[in-house]
C-alpha atoms as a PDB file:
ATOM      1  CA  MET A   1     -22.641  -8.346 -27.312  1.00  0.00           C
ATOM      2  CA  PRO A   2     -20.068 -10.784 -25.906  1.00  0.00           C
ATOM      3  CA  GLN A   3     -20.047 -14.448 -26.604  1.00  0.00           C
ATOM      4  CA  LEU A   4     -22.555 -16.500 -24.628  1.00  0.00           C
ATOM      5  CA  ASN A   5     -20.066 -19.315 -24.132  1.00  0.00           C
ATOM      6  CA  PRO A   6     -18.039 -18.264 -21.027  1.00  0.00           C
ATOM      7  CA  ALA A   7     -15.357 -20.954 -21.348  1.00  0.00           C
ATOM      8  CA  PRO A   8     -12.684 -19.097 -23.388  1.00  0.00           C
ATOM      9  CA  TRP A   9     -13.236 -15.768 -21.590  1.00  0.00           C
ATOM     10  CA  PHE A  10     -13.090 -17.372 -18.186  1.00  0.00           C
ATOM     11  CA  LEU A  11      -9.748 -19.047 -18.985  1.00  0.00           C
ATOM     12  CA  ILE A  12      -8.348 -15.744 -20.246  1.00  0.00           C
ATOM     13  CA  LEU A  13      -9.492 -14.062 -17.031  1.00  0.00           C
ATOM     14  CA  VAL A  14      -7.979 -16.773 -14.827  1.00  0.00           C
ATOM     15  CA  PHE A  15      -4.634 -16.806 -16.659  1.00  0.00           C
ATOM     16  CA  SER A  16      -4.349 -13.033 -16.693  1.00  0.00           C
ATOM     17  CA  TRP A  17      -4.965 -12.876 -12.920  1.00  0.00           C
ATOM     18  CA  LEU A  18      -2.503 -15.697 -12.440  1.00  0.00           C
ATOM     19  CA  VAL A  19       0.120 -13.670 -14.280  1.00  0.00           C
ATOM     20  CA  PHE A  20      -0.712 -10.528 -12.325  1.00  0.00           C
ATOM     21  CA  LEU A  21      -0.563 -12.298  -8.967  1.00  0.00           C
ATOM     22  CA  THR A  22       2.621 -14.310  -9.567  1.00  0.00           C
ATOM     23  CA  ILE A  23       4.867 -12.080 -11.664  1.00  0.00           C
ATOM     24  CA  LEU A  24       4.049  -8.494 -10.738  1.00  0.00           C
ATOM     25  CA  PRO A  25       4.083  -8.445  -6.883  1.00  0.00           C
ATOM     26  CA  PRO A  26       7.757  -9.468  -6.507  1.00  0.00           C
ATOM     27  CA  LYS A  27       8.747  -6.849  -9.084  1.00  0.00           C
ATOM     28  CA  ILE A  28       6.801  -4.155  -7.256  1.00  0.00           C
ATOM     29  CA  LEU A  29       7.980  -5.181  -3.782  1.00  0.00           C
ATOM     30  CA  ASN A  30      11.651  -5.037  -4.821  1.00  0.00           C
ATOM     31  CA  HIS A  31      11.528  -1.253  -5.029  1.00  0.00           C
ATOM     32  CA  THR A  32      13.056   0.564  -2.093  1.00  0.00           C
ATOM     33  CA  PHE A  33      11.940   3.946  -0.914  1.00  0.00           C
ATOM     34  CA  PRO A  34      14.599   6.616  -0.342  1.00  0.00           C
ATOM     35  CA  ASN A  35      12.991   8.031   2.801  1.00  0.00           C
ATOM     36  CA  GLU A  36      12.388   5.190   5.194  1.00  0.00           C
ATOM     37  CA  PRO A  37      10.420   6.316   8.240  1.00  0.00           C
ATOM     38  CA  THR A  38      12.391   6.322  11.454  1.00  0.00           C
ATOM     39  CA  PRO A  39      10.720   5.274  14.692  1.00  0.00           C
ATOM     40  CA  ASN A  40       9.982   8.066  17.110  1.00  0.00           C
ATOM     41  CA  SER A  41      11.403   8.016  20.591  1.00  0.00           C
ATOM     42  CA  SER A  42       9.171   6.681  23.328  1.00  0.00           C
ATOM     43  CA  LYS A  43       9.877   9.704  25.545  1.00  0.00           C
ATOM     44  CA  LYS A  44       7.104  12.233  25.825  1.00  0.00           C
ATOM     45  CA  PRO A  45       8.129  15.808  25.141  1.00  0.00           C
ATOM     46  CA  LEU A  46       8.150  18.119  28.125  1.00  0.00           C
ATOM     47  CA  THR A  47       5.150  20.412  27.894  1.00  0.00           C
ATOM     48  CA  ASN A  48       4.723  23.507  30.008  1.00  0.00           C
ATOM     49  CA  PRO A  49       1.383  25.185  30.630  1.00  0.00           C
ATOM     50  CA  TRP A  50       0.882  28.421  28.825  1.00  0.00           C
ATOM     51  CA  ASN A  51       0.393  31.464  31.010  1.00  0.00           C
ATOM     52  CA  TRP A  52      -2.002  33.886  29.400  1.00  0.00           C
ATOM     53  CA  PRO A  53      -1.029  37.373  30.570  1.00  0.00           C
ATOM     54  CA  TRP A  54      -4.418  38.973  29.867  1.00  0.00           C
ATOM     55  CA  LEU A  55      -6.532  36.547  31.921  1.00  0.00           C
END
């Protein structure tokens, strides 16, 4: 059963989240991905109707 006094546990929780939110995001966001997505062209591809020979 945990302690009934929430004061020390709450401070540990707040400081651990403070560390996670200030130190880790810049380290994670510095990674670059080798395959950056390239934007597709805005032209639509030319589509031809399919002629079904048996209909």
